[in-house]
C-alpha atoms as a PDB file:
ATOM      1  CA  MET A   1      -8.176  45.062  24.562  1.00  0.00           C
ATOM      2  CA  GLN A   2      -5.374  43.394  26.498  1.00  0.00           C
ATOM      3  CA  GLN A   3      -6.615  41.444  29.476  1.00  0.00           C
ATOM      4  CA  LEU A   4      -4.594  42.056  32.620  1.00  0.00           C
ATOM      5  CA  ILE A   5      -6.453  39.804  35.041  1.00  0.00           C
ATOM      6  CA  SER A   6      -5.673  36.156  35.687  1.00  0.00           C
ATOM      7  CA  PRO A   7      -7.823  33.854  33.532  1.00  0.00           C
ATOM      8  CA  VAL A   8      -8.227  31.394  36.418  1.00  0.00           C
ATOM      9  CA  ALA A   9     -11.586  31.591  38.169  1.00  0.00           C
ATOM     10  CA  ARG A  10     -11.364  31.940  41.937  1.00  0.00           C
ATOM     11  CA  THR A  11     -13.794  31.056  44.694  1.00  0.00           C
ATOM     12  CA  PHE A  12     -14.042  33.305  47.704  1.00  0.00           C
ATOM     13  CA  ASP A  13     -16.180  32.871  50.786  1.00  0.00           C
ATOM     14  CA  ASP A  14     -15.723  35.979  52.966  1.00  0.00           C
ATOM     15  CA  PRO A  15     -17.952  38.756  51.610  1.00  0.00           C
ATOM     16  CA  SER A  16     -17.795  40.488  55.005  1.00  0.00           C
ATOM     17  CA  SER A  17     -14.199  41.680  54.427  1.00  0.00           C
ATOM     18  CA  LEU A  18     -14.148  45.002  52.575  1.00  0.00           C
ATOM     19  CA  GLU A  19     -10.390  44.742  52.004  1.00  0.00           C
ATOM     20  CA  ALA A  20     -10.700  41.286  50.460  1.00  0.00           C
ATOM     21  CA  LEU A  21     -13.633  42.349  48.309  1.00  0.00           C
ATOM     22  CA  ALA A  22     -11.707  45.384  47.079  1.00  0.00           C
ATOM     23  CA  ALA A  23      -8.870  43.075  46.023  1.00  0.00           C
ATOM     24  CA  VAL A  24     -11.220  40.676  44.220  1.00  0.00           C
ATOM     25  CA  TYR A  25     -12.945  43.507  42.352  1.00  0.00           C
ATOM     26  CA  ALA A  26      -9.909  45.698  41.708  1.00  0.00           C
ATOM     27  CA  TYR A  27      -9.863  47.408  38.324  1.00  0.00           C
ATOM     28  CA  PRO A  28      -7.095  46.276  35.955  1.00  0.00           C
ATOM     29  CA  GLU A  29      -3.884  48.300  35.935  1.00  0.00           C
ATOM     30  CA  GLN A  30      -4.721  49.790  32.542  1.00  0.00           C
ATOM     31  CA  VAL A  31      -7.013  52.383  34.175  1.00  0.00           C
ATOM     32  CA  ASN A  32      -3.948  54.060  35.699  1.00  0.00           C
ATOM     33  CA  GLY A  33      -2.576  54.569  32.208  1.00  0.00           C
ATOM     34  CA  GLY A  34      -5.688  56.303  30.913  1.00  0.00           C
ATOM     35  CA  ARG A  35      -7.317  53.263  29.295  1.00  0.00           C
ATOM     36  CA  PRO A  36     -10.943  52.917  30.439  1.00  0.00           C
ATOM     37  CA  TRP A  37     -12.650  49.846  31.817  1.00  0.00           C
ATOM     38  CA  LEU A  38     -16.448  49.584  31.944  1.00  0.00           C
ATOM     39  CA  ARG A  39     -17.977  47.097  34.340  1.00  0.00           C
ATOM     40  CA  ALA A  40     -21.638  46.428  35.016  1.00  0.00           C
ATOM     41  CA  ASN A  41     -23.176  45.424  38.312  1.00  0.00           C
ATOM     42  CA  MET A  42     -26.571  43.728  38.103  1.00  0.00           C
ATOM     43  CA  VAL A  43     -28.744  41.371  40.143  1.00  0.00           C
ATOM     44  CA  ALA A  44     -31.173  38.745  38.866  1.00  0.00           C
ATOM     45  CA  GLY A  45     -33.284  35.875  40.112  1.00  0.00           C
ATOM     46  CA  LEU A  46     -32.582  32.298  39.091  1.00  0.00           C
ATOM     47  CA  ASP A  47     -35.098  32.513  36.260  1.00  0.00           C
ATOM     48  CA  GLY A  48     -33.432  35.648  34.853  1.00  0.00           C
ATOM     49  CA  GLY A  49     -35.736  38.394  36.087  1.00  0.00           C
ATOM     50  CA  ALA A  50     -33.897  41.622  36.910  1.00  0.00           C
ATOM     51  CA  ARG A  51     -36.665  43.032  39.110  1.00  0.00           C
ATOM     52  CA  LEU A  52     -39.101  41.923  41.781  1.00  0.00           C
ATOM     53  CA  ASP A  53     -42.275  43.958  42.153  1.00  0.00           C
ATOM     54  CA  GLY A  54     -40.787  46.480  39.756  1.00  0.00           C
ATOM     55  CA  LEU A  55     -37.529  47.055  41.659  1.00  0.00           C
ATOM     56  CA  SER A  56     -34.144  45.362  42.023  1.00  0.00           C
ATOM     57  CA  GLU A  57     -34.288  45.828  45.827  1.00  0.00           C
ATOM     58  CA  GLY A  58     -36.376  42.702  46.344  1.00  0.00           C
ATOM     59  CA  LEU A  59     -33.635  40.559  44.789  1.00  0.00           C
ATOM     60  CA  SER A  60     -30.874  41.946  46.986  1.00  0.00           C
ATOM     61  CA  GLY A  61     -29.390  40.827  50.297  1.00  0.00           C
ATOM     62  CA  ASP A  62     -26.750  41.934  52.789  1.00  0.00           C
ATOM     63  CA  ALA A  63     -23.768  40.595  50.848  1.00  0.00           C
ATOM     64  CA  ASP A  64     -25.123  41.988  47.581  1.00  0.00           C
ATOM     65  CA  LYS A  65     -25.435  45.431  49.150  1.00  0.00           C
ATOM     66  CA  ARG A  66     -21.896  45.177  50.526  1.00  0.00           C
ATOM     67  CA  ILE A  67     -20.495  44.305  47.098  1.00  0.00           C
ATOM     68  CA  PHE A  68     -22.610  47.072  45.558  1.00  0.00           C
ATOM     69  CA  GLY A  69     -20.945  49.526  47.951  1.00  0.00           C
ATOM     70  CA  VAL A  70     -17.453  48.233  47.210  1.00  0.00           C
ATOM     71  CA  LEU A  71     -17.953  48.482  43.444  1.00  0.00           C
ATOM     72  CA  ARG A  72     -19.099  52.069  43.832  1.00  0.00           C
ATOM     73  CA  ALA A  73     -16.199  52.869  46.149  1.00  0.00           C
ATOM     74  CA  LEU A  74     -13.706  51.631  43.549  1.00  0.00           C
ATOM     75  CA  SER A  75     -15.226  53.562  40.643  1.00  0.00           C
ATOM     76  CA  ASP A  76     -14.797  57.087  39.284  1.00  0.00           C
ATOM     77  CA  VAL A  77     -18.293  57.368  37.836  1.00  0.00           C
ATOM     78  CA  VAL A  78     -21.548  55.402  37.936  1.00  0.00           C
ATOM     79  CA  LEU A  79     -23.461  55.367  34.652  1.00  0.00           C
ATOM     80  CA  VAL A  80     -27.200  54.803  35.014  1.00  0.00           C
ATOM     81  CA  GLY A  81     -30.338  55.200  32.946  1.00  0.00           C
ATOM     82  CA  ALA A  82     -32.982  57.784  33.813  1.00  0.00           C
ATOM     83  CA  GLU A  83     -35.684  55.109  34.081  1.00  0.00           C
ATOM     84  CA  THR A  84     -33.694  53.383  36.824  1.00  0.00           C
ATOM     85  CA  VAL A  85     -32.976  56.700  38.560  1.00  0.00           C
ATOM     86  CA  ARG A  86     -36.709  57.400  38.749  1.00  0.00           C
ATOM     87  CA  ALA A  87     -37.798  53.885  39.712  1.00  0.00           C
ATOM     88  CA  GLU A  88     -35.102  53.260  42.322  1.00  0.00           C
ATOM     89  CA  GLY A  89     -35.064  56.776  43.817  1.00  0.00           C
ATOM     90  CA  TYR A  90     -31.378  57.309  43.148  1.00  0.00           C
ATOM     91  CA  ARG A  91     -29.359  59.418  45.554  1.00  0.00           C
ATOM     92  CA  PRO A  92     -25.755  60.661  45.248  1.00  0.00           C
ATOM     93  CA  ALA A  93     -22.935  58.246  45.954  1.00  0.00           C
ATOM     94  CA  ARG A  94     -21.532  58.752  49.442  1.00  0.00           C
ATOM     95  CA  ALA A  95     -17.968  58.953  50.657  1.00  0.00           C
ATOM     96  CA  ARG A  96     -16.860  55.860  52.550  1.00  0.00           C
ATOM     97  CA  ALA A  97     -14.240  56.196  55.261  1.00  0.00           C
ATOM     98  CA  ASP A  98     -12.896  52.683  54.599  1.00  0.00           C
ATOM     99  CA  PHE A  99     -11.888  53.724  51.074  1.00  0.00           C
ATOM    100  CA  ALA A 100     -10.888  57.354  51.682  1.00  0.00           C
ATOM    101  CA  ASP A 101      -7.125  56.753  51.728  1.00  0.00           C
ATOM    102  CA  ALA A 102      -7.149  54.503  48.670  1.00  0.00           C
ATOM    103  CA  ARG A 103      -9.247  56.970  46.675  1.00  0.00           C
ATOM    104  CA  ARG A 104      -7.003  59.851  47.672  1.00  0.00           C
ATOM    105  CA  ALA A 105      -3.893  57.886  46.682  1.00  0.00           C
ATOM    106  CA  ALA A 106      -5.452  57.074  43.301  1.00  0.00           C
ATOM    107  CA  GLY A 107      -6.329  60.719  42.687  1.00  0.00           C
ATOM    108  CA  GLN A 108     -10.052  60.026  42.925  1.00  0.00           C
ATOM    109  CA  ALA A 109     -12.748  62.280  44.362  1.00  0.00           C
ATOM    110  CA  PRO A 110     -14.192  61.259  47.764  1.00  0.00           C
ATOM    111  CA  ALA A 111     -17.094  59.540  45.989  1.00  0.00           C
ATOM    112  CA  PRO A 112     -17.911  58.636  42.395  1.00  0.00           C
ATOM    113  CA  ALA A 113     -20.021  60.927  40.260  1.00  0.00           C
ATOM    114  CA  ILE A 114     -23.417  59.712  39.084  1.00  0.00           C
ATOM    115  CA  ALA A 115     -23.921  60.103  35.315  1.00  0.00           C
ATOM    116  CA  VAL A 116     -27.552  59.821  34.197  1.00  0.00           C
ATOM    117  CA  VAL A 117     -28.432  58.942  30.610  1.00  0.00           C
ATOM    118  CA  SER A 118     -31.664  60.715  29.658  1.00  0.00           C
ATOM    119  CA  ARG A 119     -33.024  61.537  26.230  1.00  0.00           C
ATOM    120  CA  SER A 120     -36.196  63.258  27.487  1.00  0.00           C
ATOM    121  CA  LEU A 121     -34.629  65.006  30.530  1.00  0.00           C
ATOM    122  CA  GLY A 122     -37.637  63.957  32.580  1.00  0.00           C
ATOM    123  CA  LEU A 123     -35.721  64.184  35.855  1.00  0.00           C
ATOM    124  CA  ASP A 124     -36.596  65.421  39.342  1.00  0.00           C
ATOM    125  CA  LEU A 125     -34.075  68.242  39.608  1.00  0.00           C
ATOM    126  CA  ALA A 126     -35.099  68.950  43.206  1.00  0.00           C
ATOM    127  CA  SER A 127     -34.096  65.453  44.355  1.00  0.00           C
ATOM    128  CA  PRO A 128     -30.951  64.858  46.460  1.00  0.00           C
ATOM    129  CA  LEU A 129     -29.186  63.454  43.384  1.00  0.00           C
ATOM    130  CA  PHE A 130     -29.008  67.035  42.102  1.00  0.00           C
ATOM    131  CA  THR A 131     -29.094  69.060  45.313  1.00  0.00           C
ATOM    132  CA  GLU A 132     -26.755  67.086  47.603  1.00  0.00           C
ATOM    133  CA  PRO A 133     -23.989  65.374  45.591  1.00  0.00           C
ATOM    134  CA  LEU A 134     -20.393  65.335  46.798  1.00  0.00           C
ATOM    135  CA  VAL A 135     -19.400  65.318  43.132  1.00  0.00           C
ATOM    136  CA  ARG A 136     -21.671  67.222  40.778  1.00  0.00           C
ATOM    137  CA  THR A 137     -24.081  64.906  38.971  1.00  0.00           C
ATOM    138  CA  VAL A 138     -23.672  64.548  35.210  1.00  0.00           C
ATOM    139  CA  VAL A 139     -26.583  64.284  32.786  1.00  0.00           C
ATOM    140  CA  ILE A 140     -25.940  62.779  29.351  1.00  0.00           C
ATOM    141  CA  THR A 141     -28.502  63.680  26.709  1.00  0.00           C
ATOM    142  CA  THR A 142     -28.880  64.375  23.008  1.00  0.00           C
ATOM    143  CA  GLU A 143     -27.696  67.378  21.045  1.00  0.00           C
ATOM    144  CA  ASP A 144     -31.300  68.115  20.055  1.00  0.00           C
ATOM    145  CA  ALA A 145     -32.752  67.954  23.575  1.00  0.00           C
ATOM    146  CA  PRO A 146     -35.346  70.668  24.341  1.00  0.00           C
ATOM    147  CA  ALA A 147     -33.489  73.915  25.011  1.00  0.00           C
ATOM    148  CA  ASP A 148     -35.557  74.908  28.060  1.00  0.00           C
ATOM    149  CA  SER A 149     -35.126  71.506  29.702  1.00  0.00           C
ATOM    150  CA  LEU A 150     -31.415  71.538  28.892  1.00  0.00           C
ATOM    151  CA  ALA A 151     -31.006  74.967  30.516  1.00  0.00           C
ATOM    152  CA  ALA A 152     -32.804  73.811  33.663  1.00  0.00           C
ATOM    153  CA  VAL A 153     -30.637  70.715  33.971  1.00  0.00           C
ATOM    154  CA  ALA A 154     -27.440  72.735  33.409  1.00  0.00           C
ATOM    155  CA  GLU A 155     -28.222  74.786  36.538  1.00  0.00           C
ATOM    156  CA  VAL A 156     -27.886  71.742  38.807  1.00  0.00           C
ATOM    157  CA  ALA A 157     -25.715  69.281  36.849  1.00  0.00           C
ATOM    158  CA  ASP A 158     -22.934  69.044  34.316  1.00  0.00           C
ATOM    159  CA  VAL A 159     -24.333  68.285  30.879  1.00  0.00           C
ATOM    160  CA  ILE A 160     -22.836  66.100  28.157  1.00  0.00           C
ATOM    161  CA  THR A 161     -24.544  66.013  24.757  1.00  0.00           C
ATOM    162  CA  ALA A 162     -23.881  63.050  22.516  1.00  0.00           C
ATOM    163  CA  GLY A 163     -25.855  62.094  19.428  1.00  0.00           C
ATOM    164  CA  ARG A 164     -29.094  63.332  17.914  1.00  0.00           C
ATOM    165  CA  GLY A 165     -32.434  61.613  18.442  1.00  0.00           C
ATOM    166  CA  SER A 166     -30.862  59.105  20.807  1.00  0.00           C
ATOM    167  CA  VAL A 167     -27.802  59.194  23.042  1.00  0.00           C
ATOM    168  CA  ASP A 168     -24.599  58.057  21.355  1.00  0.00           C
ATOM    169  CA  LEU A 169     -23.260  55.876  24.144  1.00  0.00           C
ATOM    170  CA  ARG A 170     -19.838  55.427  22.593  1.00  0.00           C
ATOM    171  CA  ALA A 171     -19.393  59.221  22.462  1.00  0.00           C
ATOM    172  CA  ALA A 172     -20.847  59.547  25.958  1.00  0.00           C
ATOM    173  CA  VAL A 173     -18.360  57.084  27.442  1.00  0.00           C
ATOM    174  CA  ALA A 174     -15.519  58.854  25.621  1.00  0.00           C
ATOM    175  CA  ALA A 175     -16.660  62.160  27.165  1.00  0.00           C
ATOM    176  CA  LEU A 176     -16.555  60.642  30.652  1.00  0.00           C
ATOM    177  CA  VAL A 177     -13.070  59.286  30.013  1.00  0.00           C
ATOM    178  CA  GLU A 178     -11.954  62.751  28.886  1.00  0.00           C
ATOM    179  CA  ARG A 179     -12.720  63.889  32.427  1.00  0.00           C
ATOM    180  CA  GLY A 180     -10.187  61.374  33.688  1.00  0.00           C
ATOM    181  CA  TRP A 181     -12.823  58.845  34.739  1.00  0.00           C
ATOM    182  CA  THR A 182     -11.366  55.567  33.541  1.00  0.00           C
ATOM    183  CA  ARG A 183     -12.915  53.372  36.267  1.00  0.00           C
ATOM    184  CA  LEU A 184     -16.434  53.168  34.877  1.00  0.00           C
ATOM    185  CA  LEU A 185     -19.327  51.350  36.522  1.00  0.00           C
ATOM    186  CA  THR A 186     -22.845  50.960  35.186  1.00  0.00           C
ATOM    187  CA  GLU A 187     -25.780  49.838  37.289  1.00  0.00           C
ATOM    188  CA  GLY A 188     -28.095  49.657  34.305  1.00  0.00           C
ATOM    189  CA  GLY A 189     -30.962  49.358  34.258  1.00  0.00           C
ATOM    190  CA  PRO A 190     -31.589  46.538  31.832  1.00  0.00           C
ATOM    191  CA  ARG A 191     -32.346  48.798  28.877  1.00  0.00           C
ATOM    192  CA  LEU A 192     -29.165  50.853  29.238  1.00  0.00           C
ATOM    193  CA  LEU A 193     -27.073  47.743  29.849  1.00  0.00           C
ATOM    194  CA  GLY A 194     -28.499  46.174  26.717  1.00  0.00           C
ATOM    195  CA  GLN A 195     -27.538  49.247  24.709  1.00  0.00           C
ATOM    196  CA  LEU A 196     -24.003  49.293  26.140  1.00  0.00           C
ATOM    197  CA  ALA A 197     -23.546  45.607  25.316  1.00  0.00           C
ATOM    198  CA  ALA A 198     -24.907  46.146  21.809  1.00  0.00           C
ATOM    199  CA  GLU A 199     -22.301  48.881  21.315  1.00  0.00           C
ATOM    200  CA  ASP A 200     -19.573  46.455  22.464  1.00  0.00           C
ATOM    201  CA  LEU A 201     -18.616  48.770  25.333  1.00  0.00           C
ATOM    202  CA  LEU A 202     -18.887  46.277  28.185  1.00  0.00           C
ATOM    203  CA  ASP A 203     -15.614  44.870  29.552  1.00  0.00           C
ATOM    204  CA  GLU A 204     -16.967  43.139  32.643  1.00  0.00           C
ATOM    205  CA  LEU A 205     -20.180  41.890  34.204  1.00  0.00           C
ATOM    206  CA  CYS A 206     -20.595  41.502  37.959  1.00  0.00           C
ATOM    207  CA  LEU A 207     -23.810  39.510  38.257  1.00  0.00           C
ATOM    208  CA  SER A 208     -25.457  38.651  41.577  1.00  0.00           C
ATOM    209  CA  LEU A 209     -27.804  35.657  41.427  1.00  0.00           C
ATOM    210  CA  ALA A 210     -30.499  35.634  44.092  1.00  0.00           C
ATOM    211  CA  PRO A 211     -31.794  32.194  45.158  1.00  0.00           C
ATOM    212  CA  LEU A 212     -35.305  33.112  44.023  1.00  0.00           C
ATOM    213  CA  LEU A 213     -37.697  32.048  41.289  1.00  0.00           C
ATOM    214  CA  THR A 214     -39.730  35.168  40.636  1.00  0.00           C
ATOM    215  CA  GLY A 215     -41.758  34.501  37.507  1.00  0.00           C
ATOM    216  CA  GLY A 216     -43.719  37.429  36.133  1.00  0.00           C
ATOM    217  CA  ASP A 217     -42.702  39.642  33.253  1.00  0.00           C
ATOM    218  CA  ALA A 218     -39.612  41.324  34.707  1.00  0.00           C
ATOM    219  CA  PRO A 219     -36.970  42.167  32.077  1.00  0.00           C
ATOM    220  CA  ARG A 220     -33.734  40.248  31.787  1.00  0.00           C
ATOM    221  CA  ILE A 221     -30.543  42.148  32.681  1.00  0.00           C
ATOM    222  CA  LEU A 222     -30.077  42.949  28.972  1.00  0.00           C
ATOM    223  CA  HIS A 223     -33.450  44.250  27.893  1.00  0.00           C
ATOM    224  CA  ASP A 224     -34.230  44.507  24.198  1.00  0.00           C
ATOM    225  CA  ALA A 225     -30.535  44.163  23.362  1.00  0.00           C
ATOM    226  CA  HIS A 226     -29.683  43.622  19.710  1.00  0.00           C
ATOM    227  CA  LEU A 227     -26.190  42.188  19.849  1.00  0.00           C
ATOM    228  CA  PRO A 228     -24.341  41.779  16.563  1.00  0.00           C
ATOM    229  CA  ASP A 229     -23.170  38.367  17.778  1.00  0.00           C
ATOM    230  CA  VAL A 230     -23.046  36.254  20.912  1.00  0.00           C
ATOM    231  CA  GLN A 231     -20.475  37.726  23.293  1.00  0.00           C
ATOM    232  CA  ARG A 232     -18.633  35.080  25.231  1.00  0.00           C
ATOM    233  CA  MET A 233     -17.429  35.884  28.739  1.00  0.00           C
ATOM    234  CA  ARG A 234     -15.111  34.080  31.149  1.00  0.00           C
ATOM    235  CA  LEU A 235     -15.626  33.565  34.870  1.00  0.00           C
ATOM    236  CA  VAL A 236     -12.823  34.958  37.066  1.00  0.00           C
ATOM    237  CA  SER A 237     -14.359  34.933  40.558  1.00  0.00           C
ATOM    238  CA  LEU A 238     -17.263  33.368  42.406  1.00  0.00           C
ATOM    239  CA  ILE A 239     -18.552  34.202  45.886  1.00  0.00           C
ATOM    240  CA  GLU A 240     -21.328  32.371  47.710  1.00  0.00           C
ATOM    241  CA  GLN A 241     -23.267  33.462  50.777  1.00  0.00           C
ATOM    242  CA  LYS A 242     -26.599  32.145  52.014  1.00  0.00           C
ATOM    243  CA  GLY A 243     -27.460  30.789  48.590  1.00  0.00           C
ATOM    244  CA  PHE A 244     -26.588  34.001  46.752  1.00  0.00           C
ATOM    245  CA  LEU A 245     -23.930  33.700  44.050  1.00  0.00           C
ATOM    246  CA  PHE A 246     -21.786  36.687  43.154  1.00  0.00           C
ATOM    247  CA  THR A 247     -20.099  36.184  39.813  1.00  0.00           C
ATOM    248  CA  ARG A 248     -17.552  38.227  37.925  1.00  0.00           C
ATOM    249  CA  TYR A 249     -17.189  37.716  34.177  1.00  0.00           C
ATOM    250  CA  LEU A 250     -14.719  39.380  31.817  1.00  0.00           C
ATOM    251  CA  ARG A 251     -14.258  39.507  28.097  1.00  0.00           C
ATOM    252  CA  PRO A 252     -12.073  36.659  26.819  1.00  0.00           C
ATOM    253  CA  ALA A 253      -8.383  37.440  26.990  1.00  0.00           C
ATOM    254  CA  THR A 254      -6.895  38.759  23.769  1.00  0.00           C
ATOM    255  CA  PRO A 255      -3.419  37.910  22.503  1.00  0.00           C
END
């Protein structure tokens, strides 16, 4: 995949400016030509743990939440695993007035859709994620999912089936792109991110490092990932605030 972003890493020290953050985290031009770009946004402590007391919230801070909001505001769709939806109490993405004009000009909906990957369909269909979205929530499951569960989900969400036994993530991403959603963002969790990386689908990693040593048995940001080989990444931006580091890594540039 051709890399369209400068290979020179940049430092940046004003995470309070939404306009500046949007410029730093802008998707490459290729998305306007129908070529998708999948970025991940994750947070971890200094010793690699992706959760504190079972949730990512304890690792976050004001600047992290601001960047989280900007990344969502730039995206067409947020891909997330059902385990994370349940644990984190996911709600629909909201429209943000600061990005309304830019989204309209880019032909985007007022807010990104949330796409939930779930093999079992063990989802709370009465939660706001399914009853209050600005853009109808998408559920990605298997072709052999239980028929009764599939019918119930289809009443409150769009359904994509991909793979049998387990979700075929490559086919799932292709189905999202067919909807015109080329600005893809995943918020994990660690298991889903590990699977996406193992399928070589990840173009970019936005990793927030909290200045905390957490210990415990929290998973790393790629949980149980079986990569065919080490995937090297290159740093293109670095933001620091109050000891938090906000990094952005891309695949190496290709000729």
